[in-house]
Amino acid sequence: MDITNPIYGDANRARKHLEALHWPNGPVCPHCGNVDQDRITKLKGKSTRPGVYKCNECTKPFTVTVGTIFEDSKIPLNKWLLAFRLLNGGKKGISANELSRHLGITYKSAWFMAHRIREAMKDEGDVPIGGYGKTIEADETYVGGKVSNRHKAKRTGKGYGIHVKQPVVSLVEREGRVRSFHVANVNAKTLRHVLVTNADRGSWLMTDENSVYKTVGKEYVGHGVVRHGLGEYGRASYFHTNTVENFFSILKRGINGVYFHVSEAHLKRYVTEFDFRYNTRDLTDTERTAEAVKGARGKRLMYRQPSPLVA
């Protein structure tokens, strides 16, 4: 997608582009689901802002942004679309500081906008990956830096080993999709839950020699093990975990080279971003951005509101 496209400079053109993506067959009422174009009226008049429709079934007005991450945002739609384009155009992402400079908005707004976009990229995971005749590679990695690089008030230990980093588990279907998860601990219980809820047990499971996979591996059609501890990284061209390790290399270069600091609370959203770009790797930037924008519906994300006081 050409970054000079008018949809990135004109809010009205951006709205029409959004309508074309979300309503390919005409407006749909987000309140009652009405799709009858004869029962939906486009409101006109000097006092009516562009893009407002009224549903004659539920009598409620609506726009294309209702029920999406764009709802109630003060940021113009053209800047939203440009942010989508920038986040989907780079293999390793773009930082909130960069977004802030490109869009001419505050860092706080850019940071919040980026997290909303990551929600739009989220894979709902309704259907397990893999299946009969397919192979899934599973592995874990650890994200984080040295304790010595942290603020003095946040240094809770010594060193830079896995005990001071956050674990991420990824499942990659060869020549298919990836699903990654930030888990509290890497143990047989947490990994089994991730595997059996996301990887079809008709698949071949491929892992390293980590003992946590030993028991759950028996639940799959086959379980191949690569013994990295013995210097083995591939056997018979089939037994390897190179696919998932390649994904980890992209993830870590993005975290270390672009975002620098990722909090534990939001790591799952950053992982979602890298999953989405990997899963749409065969699409052009134009197509990938469009898919992300389509995912914005039904995922409205609001600022956390203070809890009411309890009497």
C-alpha atoms as a PDB file:
ATOM      1  CA  MET A   1       0.000   0.000   0.000  1.00  0.00           C
ATOM      2  CA  ASP A   2       1.441   3.356  -1.033  1.00  0.00           C
ATOM      3  CA  ILE A   3       1.954   5.461   2.082  1.00  0.00           C
ATOM      4  CA  THR A   4       0.934   8.544   0.045  1.00  0.00           C
ATOM      5  CA  ASN A   5      -2.536   7.089  -0.527  1.00  0.00           C
ATOM      6  CA  PRO A   6      -5.214   9.784   0.113  1.00  0.00           C
ATOM      7  CA  ILE A   7      -6.862   7.610   2.786  1.00  0.00           C
ATOM      8  CA  TYR A   8      -3.918   8.486   5.044  1.00  0.00           C
ATOM      9  CA  GLY A   9      -4.358  12.221   4.637  1.00  0.00           C
ATOM     10  CA  ASP A  10      -8.139  12.689   4.520  1.00  0.00           C
ATOM     11  CA  ALA A  11     -10.468  11.508   7.293  1.00  0.00           C
ATOM     12  CA  ASN A  12     -13.489  11.298   4.983  1.00  0.00           C
ATOM     13  CA  ARG A  13     -11.647   9.101   2.480  1.00  0.00           C
ATOM     14  CA  ALA A  14     -10.421   6.967   5.382  1.00  0.00           C
ATOM     15  CA  ARG A  15     -14.000   6.490   6.584  1.00  0.00           C
ATOM     16  CA  LYS A  16     -15.150   5.399   3.124  1.00  0.00           C
ATOM     17  CA  HIS A  17     -12.245   2.951   2.939  1.00  0.00           C
ATOM     18  CA  LEU A  18     -13.239   1.546   6.327  1.00  0.00           C
ATOM     19  CA  GLU A  19     -16.842   1.167   5.188  1.00  0.00           C
ATOM     20  CA  ALA A  20     -15.709  -0.734   2.094  1.00  0.00           C
ATOM     21  CA  LEU A  21     -13.698  -3.162   4.247  1.00  0.00           C
ATOM     22  CA  HIS A  22     -16.266  -3.690   7.004  1.00  0.00           C
ATOM     23  CA  TRP A  23     -19.441  -3.386   4.912  1.00  0.00           C
ATOM     24  CA  PRO A  24     -18.683  -4.909   1.477  1.00  0.00           C
ATOM     25  CA  ASN A  25     -22.415  -5.479   0.914  1.00  0.00           C
ATOM     26  CA  GLY A  26     -23.690  -2.252   2.437  1.00  0.00           C
ATOM     27  CA  PRO A  27     -24.155  -0.896   5.994  1.00  0.00           C
ATOM     28  CA  VAL A  28     -24.863  -3.322   8.836  1.00  0.00           C
ATOM     29  CA  CYS A  29     -26.478  -2.131  12.054  1.00  0.00           C
ATOM     30  CA  PRO A  30     -24.098  -2.931  14.940  1.00  0.00           C
ATOM     31  CA  HIS A  31     -26.956  -2.658  17.434  1.00  0.00           C
ATOM     32  CA  CYS A  32     -29.449  -5.220  16.082  1.00  0.00           C
ATOM     33  CA  GLY A  33     -27.578  -6.796  13.161  1.00  0.00           C
ATOM     34  CA  ASN A  34     -30.004  -5.548  10.512  1.00  0.00           C
ATOM     35  CA  VAL A  35     -28.572  -5.942   6.978  1.00  0.00           C
ATOM     36  CA  ASP A  36     -31.679  -4.993   4.989  1.00  0.00           C
ATOM     37  CA  GLN A  37     -30.509  -1.996   2.962  1.00  0.00           C
ATOM     38  CA  ASP A  38     -34.124  -0.851   2.528  1.00  0.00           C
ATOM     39  CA  ARG A  39     -34.392  -0.554   6.318  1.00  0.00           C
ATOM     40  CA  ILE A  40     -31.221   1.496   6.749  1.00  0.00           C
ATOM     41  CA  THR A  41     -31.153   5.210   5.971  1.00  0.00           C
ATOM     42  CA  LYS A  42     -28.111   7.409   5.502  1.00  0.00           C
ATOM     43  CA  LEU A  43     -28.678  10.632   7.441  1.00  0.00           C
ATOM     44  CA  LYS A  44     -27.993  13.884   5.633  1.00  0.00           C
ATOM     45  CA  GLY A  45     -28.041  17.518   6.551  1.00  0.00           C
ATOM     46  CA  LYS A  46     -25.714  20.330   7.522  1.00  0.00           C
ATOM     47  CA  SER A  47     -25.879  19.403  11.197  1.00  0.00           C
ATOM     48  CA  THR A  48     -25.165  15.711  10.605  1.00  0.00           C
ATOM     49  CA  ARG A  49     -21.575  14.549  10.487  1.00  0.00           C
ATOM     50  CA  PRO A  50     -20.567  12.375   7.508  1.00  0.00           C
ATOM     51  CA  GLY A  51     -21.093   8.628   7.654  1.00  0.00           C
ATOM     52  CA  VAL A  52     -24.060   8.467  10.046  1.00  0.00           C
ATOM     53  CA  TYR A  53     -26.804   5.922   9.327  1.00  0.00           C
ATOM     54  CA  LYS A  54     -30.079   5.141  11.042  1.00  0.00           C
ATOM     55  CA  CYS A  55     -31.486   1.650  11.414  1.00  0.00           C
ATOM     56  CA  ASN A  56     -35.249   1.614  10.895  1.00  0.00           C
ATOM     57  CA  GLU A  57     -35.521  -1.673  12.791  1.00  0.00           C
ATOM     58  CA  CYS A  58     -34.086  -0.565  16.150  1.00  0.00           C
ATOM     59  CA  THR A  59     -34.304   3.208  15.390  1.00  0.00           C
ATOM     60  CA  LYS A  60     -30.694   3.754  16.525  1.00  0.00           C
ATOM     61  CA  PRO A  61     -28.076   5.789  14.650  1.00  0.00           C
ATOM     62  CA  PHE A  62     -24.629   4.329  13.949  1.00  0.00           C
ATOM     63  CA  THR A  63     -21.410   4.750  12.008  1.00  0.00           C
ATOM     64  CA  VAL A  64     -18.830   2.252  10.777  1.00  0.00           C
ATOM     65  CA  THR A  65     -16.723   2.856  13.896  1.00  0.00           C
ATOM     66  CA  VAL A  66     -19.378   1.679  16.377  1.00  0.00           C
ATOM     67  CA  GLY A  67     -18.295  -1.574  18.015  1.00  0.00           C
ATOM     68  CA  THR A  68     -14.703  -1.245  16.812  1.00  0.00           C
ATOM     69  CA  ILE A  69     -11.426  -0.102  18.358  1.00  0.00           C
ATOM     70  CA  PHE A  70     -12.020   3.287  16.676  1.00  0.00           C
ATOM     71  CA  GLU A  71     -15.219   4.048  18.613  1.00  0.00           C
ATOM     72  CA  ASP A  72     -15.154   7.310  20.592  1.00  0.00           C
ATOM     73  CA  SER A  73     -11.556   8.004  19.536  1.00  0.00           C
ATOM     74  CA  LYS A  74     -10.602  11.647  19.069  1.00  0.00           C
ATOM     75  CA  ILE A  75      -7.816  10.663  16.683  1.00  0.00           C
ATOM     76  CA  PRO A  76      -8.857  11.082  13.002  1.00  0.00           C
ATOM     77  CA  LEU A  77      -9.514   7.867  11.073  1.00  0.00           C
ATOM     78  CA  ASN A  78      -6.820   8.648   8.519  1.00  0.00           C
ATOM     79  CA  LYS A  79      -4.215   8.616  11.288  1.00  0.00           C
ATOM     80  CA  TRP A  80      -5.612   5.328  12.552  1.00  0.00           C
ATOM     81  CA  LEU A  81      -5.224   3.771   9.108  1.00  0.00           C
ATOM     82  CA  LEU A  82      -1.691   5.114   8.777  1.00  0.00           C
ATOM     83  CA  ALA A  83      -0.830   3.571  12.153  1.00  0.00           C
ATOM     84  CA  PHE A  84      -2.176   0.224  10.929  1.00  0.00           C
ATOM     85  CA  ARG A  85      -0.039   0.542   7.797  1.00  0.00           C
ATOM     86  CA  LEU A  86       3.137   1.372   9.721  1.00  0.00           C
ATOM     87  CA  LEU A  87       2.674  -1.435  12.253  1.00  0.00           C
ATOM     88  CA  ASN A  88       2.037  -3.970   9.489  1.00  0.00           C
ATOM     89  CA  GLY A  89       4.668  -2.778   7.059  1.00  0.00           C
ATOM     90  CA  GLY A  90       7.772  -3.459   9.149  1.00  0.00           C
ATOM     91  CA  LYS A  91       8.834  -7.030   9.842  1.00  0.00           C
ATOM     92  CA  LYS A  92       9.784  -6.141  13.407  1.00  0.00           C
ATOM     93  CA  GLY A  93       7.113  -3.521  14.143  1.00  0.00           C
ATOM     94  CA  ILE A  94       7.369   0.147  15.061  1.00  0.00           C
ATOM     95  CA  SER A  95       7.705   1.736  18.480  1.00  0.00           C
ATOM     96  CA  ALA A  96       5.172   4.065  20.058  1.00  0.00           C
ATOM     97  CA  ASN A  97       7.758   6.866  19.929  1.00  0.00           C
ATOM     98  CA  GLU A  98       8.067   6.402  16.163  1.00  0.00           C
ATOM     99  CA  LEU A  99       4.272   6.344  15.789  1.00  0.00           C
ATOM    100  CA  SER A 100       4.050   9.513  17.832  1.00  0.00           C
ATOM    101  CA  ARG A 101       6.471  11.323  15.520  1.00  0.00           C
ATOM    102  CA  HIS A 102       4.917  10.028  12.288  1.00  0.00           C
ATOM    103  CA  LEU A 103       1.324  10.796  13.295  1.00  0.00           C
ATOM    104  CA  GLY A 104       1.911  14.047  15.174  1.00  0.00           C
ATOM    105  CA  ILE A 105       0.223  12.826  18.368  1.00  0.00           C
ATOM    106  CA  THR A 106       1.396  12.368  21.935  1.00  0.00           C
ATOM    107  CA  TYR A 107       3.375   9.325  23.021  1.00  0.00           C
ATOM    108  CA  LYS A 108       0.530   8.326  25.347  1.00  0.00           C
ATOM    109  CA  SER A 109      -1.971   8.340  22.465  1.00  0.00           C
ATOM    110  CA  ALA A 110       0.419   6.451  20.180  1.00  0.00           C
ATOM    111  CA  TRP A 111       1.081   3.810  22.848  1.00  0.00           C
ATOM    112  CA  PHE A 112      -2.625   3.260  23.480  1.00  0.00           C
ATOM    113  CA  MET A 113      -3.368   3.229  19.743  1.00  0.00           C
ATOM    114  CA  ALA A 114      -0.696   0.569  19.131  1.00  0.00           C
ATOM    115  CA  HIS A 115      -2.214  -1.694  21.779  1.00  0.00           C
ATOM    116  CA  ARG A 116      -5.655  -1.297  20.235  1.00  0.00           C
ATOM    117  CA  ILE A 117      -4.222  -2.310  16.882  1.00  0.00           C
ATOM    118  CA  ARG A 118      -2.616  -5.388  18.469  1.00  0.00           C
ATOM    119  CA  GLU A 119      -6.050  -6.351  19.763  1.00  0.00           C
ATOM    120  CA  ALA A 120      -7.343  -6.126  16.184  1.00  0.00           C
ATOM    121  CA  MET A 121      -4.538  -8.501  15.143  1.00  0.00           C
ATOM    122  CA  LYS A 122      -5.530 -11.073  17.744  1.00  0.00           C
ATOM    123  CA  ASP A 123      -6.221 -14.625  16.581  1.00  0.00           C
ATOM    124  CA  GLU A 124      -9.314 -15.861  18.395  1.00  0.00           C
ATOM    125  CA  GLY A 125      -8.017 -19.434  18.150  1.00  0.00           C
ATOM    126  CA  ASP A 126     -11.370 -21.146  17.661  1.00  0.00           C
ATOM    127  CA  VAL A 127      -9.908 -23.912  15.478  1.00  0.00           C
ATOM    128  CA  PRO A 128      -6.771 -25.849  16.520  1.00  0.00           C
ATOM    129  CA  ILE A 129      -3.779 -25.686  14.225  1.00  0.00           C
ATOM    130  CA  GLY A 130      -2.294 -28.815  12.681  1.00  0.00           C
ATOM    131  CA  GLY A 131      -4.150 -32.066  12.056  1.00  0.00           C
ATOM    132  CA  TYR A 132      -3.523 -35.452  10.482  1.00  0.00           C
ATOM    133  CA  GLY A 133      -0.522 -35.445   8.197  1.00  0.00           C
ATOM    134  CA  LYS A 134       0.776 -32.157   9.633  1.00  0.00           C
ATOM    135  CA  THR A 135       3.651 -31.364  11.984  1.00  0.00           C
ATOM    136  CA  ILE A 136       3.659 -28.856  14.823  1.00  0.00           C
ATOM    137  CA  GLU A 137       6.846 -27.592  16.398  1.00  0.00           C
ATOM    138  CA  ALA A 138       6.639 -26.456  20.024  1.00  0.00           C
ATOM    139  CA  ASP A 139       9.298 -24.610  21.970  1.00  0.00           C
ATOM    140  CA  GLU A 140       9.757 -21.939  24.591  1.00  0.00           C
ATOM    141  CA  THR A 141      11.949 -18.864  24.779  1.00  0.00           C
ATOM    142  CA  TYR A 142      12.597 -16.203  27.396  1.00  0.00           C
ATOM    143  CA  VAL A 143      12.175 -12.468  26.868  1.00  0.00           C
ATOM    144  CA  GLY A 144      13.946  -9.881  28.975  1.00  0.00           C
ATOM    145  CA  GLY A 145      17.298  -8.288  29.740  1.00  0.00           C
ATOM    146  CA  LYS A 146      19.913  -8.286  32.438  1.00  0.00           C
ATOM    147  CA  VAL A 147      18.960  -7.331  35.962  1.00  0.00           C
ATOM    148  CA  SER A 148      21.862  -4.847  35.953  1.00  0.00           C
ATOM    149  CA  ASN A 149      20.124  -2.891  33.181  1.00  0.00           C
ATOM    150  CA  ARG A 150      16.960  -2.372  35.206  1.00  0.00           C
ATOM    151  CA  HIS A 151      16.097   0.582  37.386  1.00  0.00           C
ATOM    152  CA  LYS A 152      17.638   0.207  40.807  1.00  0.00           C
ATOM    153  CA  ALA A 153      14.194  -0.075  42.419  1.00  0.00           C
ATOM    154  CA  LYS A 154      13.303  -3.024  40.157  1.00  0.00           C
ATOM    155  CA  ARG A 155      16.390  -5.176  40.637  1.00  0.00           C
ATOM    156  CA  THR A 156      14.957  -8.254  42.321  1.00  0.00           C
ATOM    157  CA  GLY A 157      17.779 -10.705  41.652  1.00  0.00           C
ATOM    158  CA  LYS A 158      21.178 -11.216  40.120  1.00  0.00           C
ATOM    159  CA  GLY A 159      22.365 -12.271  36.714  1.00  0.00           C
ATOM    160  CA  TYR A 160      20.597 -12.481  33.400  1.00  0.00           C
ATOM    161  CA  GLY A 161      19.353 -16.086  33.216  1.00  0.00           C
ATOM    162  CA  ILE A 162      15.858 -17.362  32.551  1.00  0.00           C
ATOM    163  CA  HIS A 163      14.858 -16.801  36.173  1.00  0.00           C
ATOM    164  CA  VAL A 164      14.712 -13.034  35.533  1.00  0.00           C
ATOM    165  CA  LYS A 165      12.988 -13.247  32.138  1.00  0.00           C
ATOM    166  CA  GLN A 166       9.437 -13.893  30.942  1.00  0.00           C
ATOM    167  CA  PRO A 167       8.649 -17.210  29.194  1.00  0.00           C
ATOM    168  CA  VAL A 168       6.896 -17.330  25.820  1.00  0.00           C
ATOM    169  CA  VAL A 169       5.683 -20.627  24.331  1.00  0.00           C
ATOM    170  CA  SER A 170       5.069 -20.900  20.581  1.00  0.00           C
ATOM    171  CA  LEU A 171       3.403 -23.569  18.471  1.00  0.00           C
ATOM    172  CA  VAL A 172       4.239 -23.455  14.759  1.00  0.00           C
ATOM    173  CA  GLU A 173       2.582 -25.566  12.113  1.00  0.00           C
ATOM    174  CA  ARG A 174       5.117 -26.200   9.382  1.00  0.00           C
ATOM    175  CA  GLU A 175       4.173 -24.091   6.348  1.00  0.00           C
ATOM    176  CA  GLY A 176       1.221 -22.887   8.415  1.00  0.00           C
ATOM    177  CA  ARG A 177       0.313 -20.677  11.338  1.00  0.00           C
ATOM    178  CA  VAL A 178       1.919 -19.839  14.659  1.00  0.00           C
ATOM    179  CA  ARG A 179       0.313 -19.281  18.064  1.00  0.00           C
ATOM    180  CA  SER A 180       2.324 -17.845  20.926  1.00  0.00           C
ATOM    181  CA  PHE A 181       1.532 -17.442  24.598  1.00  0.00           C
ATOM    182  CA  HIS A 182       3.089 -15.642  27.531  1.00  0.00           C
ATOM    183  CA  VAL A 183       2.930 -18.171  30.360  1.00  0.00           C
ATOM    184  CA  ALA A 184       3.643 -17.787  34.054  1.00  0.00           C
ATOM    185  CA  ASN A 185       5.861 -20.865  34.252  1.00  0.00           C
ATOM    186  CA  VAL A 186       7.227 -23.460  31.872  1.00  0.00           C
ATOM    187  CA  ASN A 187       6.077 -26.746  33.362  1.00  0.00           C
ATOM    188  CA  ALA A 188       4.159 -29.831  32.260  1.00  0.00           C
ATOM    189  CA  LYS A 189       0.809 -28.417  33.434  1.00  0.00           C
ATOM    190  CA  THR A 190       0.968 -25.052  31.655  1.00  0.00           C
ATOM    191  CA  LEU A 191       2.459 -26.491  28.462  1.00  0.00           C
ATOM    192  CA  ARG A 192      -0.099 -29.290  28.262  1.00  0.00           C
ATOM    193  CA  HIS A 193      -2.937 -26.752  28.495  1.00  0.00           C
ATOM    194  CA  VAL A 194      -1.398 -24.643  25.701  1.00  0.00           C
ATOM    195  CA  LEU A 195      -0.835 -27.676  23.484  1.00  0.00           C
ATOM    196  CA  VAL A 196      -4.104 -29.587  23.824  1.00  0.00           C
ATOM    197  CA  THR A 197      -6.246 -26.449  23.439  1.00  0.00           C
ATOM    198  CA  ASN A 198      -4.400 -25.135  20.380  1.00  0.00           C
ATOM    199  CA  ALA A 199      -2.753 -28.061  18.570  1.00  0.00           C
ATOM    200  CA  ASP A 200      -4.796 -30.848  16.999  1.00  0.00           C
ATOM    201  CA  ARG A 201      -3.782 -34.155  18.605  1.00  0.00           C
ATOM    202  CA  GLY A 202      -3.840 -35.770  15.185  1.00  0.00           C
ATOM    203  CA  SER A 203      -0.589 -33.899  14.453  1.00  0.00           C
ATOM    204  CA  TRP A 204       3.006 -34.980  14.810  1.00  0.00           C
ATOM    205  CA  LEU A 205       4.562 -33.005  17.679  1.00  0.00           C
ATOM    206  CA  MET A 206       8.184 -31.928  17.342  1.00  0.00           C
ATOM    207  CA  THR A 207      10.079 -30.580  20.379  1.00  0.00           C
ATOM    208  CA  ASP A 208      13.505 -30.433  21.954  1.00  0.00           C
ATOM    209  CA  GLU A 209      14.505 -32.768  24.786  1.00  0.00           C
ATOM    210  CA  ASN A 210      12.848 -30.690  27.530  1.00  0.00           C
ATOM    211  CA  SER A 211      11.194 -33.249  29.824  1.00  0.00           C
ATOM    212  CA  VAL A 212       8.011 -31.168  30.156  1.00  0.00           C
ATOM    213  CA  TYR A 213       6.955 -32.375  26.691  1.00  0.00           C
ATOM    214  CA  LYS A 214       7.470 -36.063  27.395  1.00  0.00           C
ATOM    215  CA  THR A 215       4.046 -36.884  28.837  1.00  0.00           C
ATOM    216  CA  VAL A 216       1.897 -34.647  26.639  1.00  0.00           C
ATOM    217  CA  GLY A 217       3.776 -35.910  23.584  1.00  0.00           C
ATOM    218  CA  LYS A 218       2.132 -39.298  24.102  1.00  0.00           C
ATOM    219  CA  GLU A 219      -1.270 -37.715  23.397  1.00  0.00           C
ATOM    220  CA  TYR A 220      -0.278 -36.953  19.795  1.00  0.00           C
ATOM    221  CA  VAL A 221      -0.003 -39.219  16.773  1.00  0.00           C
ATOM    222  CA  GLY A 222       3.767 -39.017  17.111  1.00  0.00           C
ATOM    223  CA  HIS A 223       6.351 -37.134  19.134  1.00  0.00           C
ATOM    224  CA  GLY A 224       9.758 -36.366  17.671  1.00  0.00           C
ATOM    225  CA  VAL A 225      12.586 -35.138  19.899  1.00  0.00           C
ATOM    226  CA  VAL A 226      15.691 -33.195  18.881  1.00  0.00           C
ATOM    227  CA  ARG A 227      18.507 -33.367  21.446  1.00  0.00           C
ATOM    228  CA  HIS A 228      20.066 -29.920  21.396  1.00  0.00           C
ATOM    229  CA  GLY A 229      22.106 -30.765  24.473  1.00  0.00           C
ATOM    230  CA  LEU A 230      24.046 -33.289  22.392  1.00  0.00           C
ATOM    231  CA  GLY A 231      24.621 -30.828  19.583  1.00  0.00           C
ATOM    232  CA  GLU A 232      21.795 -32.210  17.443  1.00  0.00           C
ATOM    233  CA  TYR A 233      19.769 -29.652  15.500  1.00  0.00           C
ATOM    234  CA  GLY A 234      18.295 -31.772  12.738  1.00  0.00           C
ATOM    235  CA  ARG A 235      17.873 -35.418  11.794  1.00  0.00           C
ATOM    236  CA  ALA A 236      16.732 -36.978   8.529  1.00  0.00           C
ATOM    237  CA  SER A 237      15.563 -33.505   7.389  1.00  0.00           C
ATOM    238  CA  TYR A 238      12.314 -34.001   9.326  1.00  0.00           C
ATOM    239  CA  PHE A 239      13.247 -34.064  12.994  1.00  0.00           C
ATOM    240  CA  HIS A 240      14.016 -30.446  13.888  1.00  0.00           C
ATOM    241  CA  THR A 241      12.566 -27.351  15.541  1.00  0.00           C
ATOM    242  CA  ASN A 242      14.160 -24.856  13.169  1.00  0.00           C
ATOM    243  CA  THR A 243      10.826 -23.317  12.128  1.00  0.00           C
ATOM    244  CA  VAL A 244       9.838 -22.219  15.618  1.00  0.00           C
ATOM    245  CA  GLU A 245      13.396 -21.097  16.365  1.00  0.00           C
ATOM    246  CA  ASN A 246      13.344 -18.902  13.257  1.00  0.00           C
ATOM    247  CA  PHE A 247      10.141 -17.318  14.531  1.00  0.00           C
ATOM    248  CA  PHE A 248      11.816 -16.667  17.895  1.00  0.00           C
ATOM    249  CA  SER A 249      14.686 -14.906  16.136  1.00  0.00           C
ATOM    250  CA  ILE A 250      12.242 -12.420  14.577  1.00  0.00           C
ATOM    251  CA  LEU A 251      10.404 -11.961  17.878  1.00  0.00           C
ATOM    252  CA  LYS A 252      13.582 -11.260  19.834  1.00  0.00           C
ATOM    253  CA  ARG A 253      15.037  -8.888  17.257  1.00  0.00           C
ATOM    254  CA  GLY A 254      11.801  -6.934  17.368  1.00  0.00           C
ATOM    255  CA  ILE A 255      11.637  -6.831  21.155  1.00  0.00           C
ATOM    256  CA  ASN A 256      15.333  -6.012  21.606  1.00  0.00           C
ATOM    257  CA  GLY A 257      15.856  -3.778  18.588  1.00  0.00           C
ATOM    258  CA  VAL A 258      12.561  -1.902  18.237  1.00  0.00           C
ATOM    259  CA  TYR A 259      10.632  -1.923  21.497  1.00  0.00           C
ATOM    260  CA  PHE A 260      13.593  -2.245  23.895  1.00  0.00           C
ATOM    261  CA  HIS A 261      11.324  -2.469  26.945  1.00  0.00           C
ATOM    262  CA  VAL A 262       8.169  -4.572  27.122  1.00  0.00           C
ATOM    263  CA  SER A 263       6.315  -4.889  30.411  1.00  0.00           C
ATOM    264  CA  GLU A 264       5.174  -8.269  31.688  1.00  0.00           C
ATOM    265  CA  ALA A 265       1.556  -7.049  31.711  1.00  0.00           C
ATOM    266  CA  HIS A 266       1.548  -6.300  27.963  1.00  0.00           C
ATOM    267  CA  LEU A 267       3.920  -8.962  26.612  1.00  0.00           C
ATOM    268  CA  LYS A 268       0.974 -11.059  25.378  1.00  0.00           C
ATOM    269  CA  ARG A 269      -0.112  -8.227  23.058  1.00  0.00           C
ATOM    270  CA  TYR A 270       3.343  -7.768  21.564  1.00  0.00           C
ATOM    271  CA  VAL A 271       3.509 -11.520  20.948  1.00  0.00           C
ATOM    272  CA  THR A 272       0.126 -11.301  19.193  1.00  0.00           C
ATOM    273  CA  GLU A 273       1.565  -8.657  16.849  1.00  0.00           C
ATOM    274  CA  PHE A 274       4.451 -10.910  15.791  1.00  0.00           C
ATOM    275  CA  ASP A 275       2.113 -13.876  15.386  1.00  0.00           C
ATOM    276  CA  PHE A 276      -0.130 -11.867  13.065  1.00  0.00           C
ATOM    277  CA  ARG A 277       2.681 -10.726  10.792  1.00  0.00           C
ATOM    278  CA  TYR A 278       4.042 -14.281  10.606  1.00  0.00           C
ATOM    279  CA  ASN A 279       0.612 -15.707   9.801  1.00  0.00           C
ATOM    280  CA  THR A 280       0.111 -13.172   7.006  1.00  0.00           C
ATOM    281  CA  ARG A 281       3.653 -13.441   5.644  1.00  0.00           C
ATOM    282  CA  ASP A 282       2.398 -14.492   2.206  1.00  0.00           C
ATOM    283  CA  LEU A 283       0.259 -11.346   1.850  1.00  0.00           C
ATOM    284  CA  THR A 284       1.376  -7.989   0.530  1.00  0.00           C
ATOM    285  CA  ASP A 285       1.563  -5.052   2.929  1.00  0.00           C
ATOM    286  CA  THR A 286      -1.722  -3.836   1.436  1.00  0.00           C
ATOM    287  CA  GLU A 287      -3.496  -7.121   2.085  1.00  0.00           C
ATOM    288  CA  ARG A 288      -1.987  -7.566   5.546  1.00  0.00           C
ATOM    289  CA  THR A 289      -3.054  -4.087   6.626  1.00  0.00           C
ATOM    290  CA  ALA A 290      -6.580  -4.696   5.316  1.00  0.00           C
ATOM    291  CA  GLU A 291      -6.825  -7.949   7.290  1.00  0.00           C
ATOM    292  CA  ALA A 292      -5.738  -6.170  10.458  1.00  0.00           C
ATOM    293  CA  VAL A 293      -8.281  -3.369   9.924  1.00  0.00           C
ATOM    294  CA  LYS A 294     -11.053  -5.945   9.428  1.00  0.00           C
ATOM    295  CA  GLY A 295     -10.119  -7.439  12.785  1.00  0.00           C
ATOM    296  CA  ALA A 296     -10.897  -4.157  14.533  1.00  0.00           C
ATOM    297  CA  ARG A 297     -14.613  -4.970  14.752  1.00  0.00           C
ATOM    298  CA  GLY A 298     -15.933  -6.390  18.015  1.00  0.00           C
ATOM    299  CA  LYS A 299     -12.737  -5.600  19.913  1.00  0.00           C
ATOM    300  CA  ARG A 300     -13.373  -2.236  21.442  1.00  0.00           C
ATOM    301  CA  LEU A 301     -10.690  -1.439  24.016  1.00  0.00           C
ATOM    302  CA  MET A 302     -11.217   1.334  26.543  1.00  0.00           C
ATOM    303  CA  TYR A 303      -9.080   3.045  29.128  1.00  0.00           C
ATOM    304  CA  ARG A 304      -9.385   1.361  32.496  1.00  0.00           C
ATOM    305  CA  GLN A 305     -11.935   3.239  34.579  1.00  0.00           C
ATOM    306  CA  PRO A 306     -11.487   3.711  38.347  1.00  0.00           C
ATOM    307  CA  SER A 307     -13.484   1.233  40.404  1.00  0.00           C
ATOM    308  CA  PRO A 308     -16.450   2.734  42.296  1.00  0.00           C
ATOM    309  CA  LEU A 309     -16.028   3.061  46.014  1.00  0.00           C
ATOM    310  CA  VAL A 310     -17.804   0.403  48.040  1.00  0.00           C
ATOM    311  CA  ALA A 311     -19.825   1.770  50.926  1.00  0.00           C
END
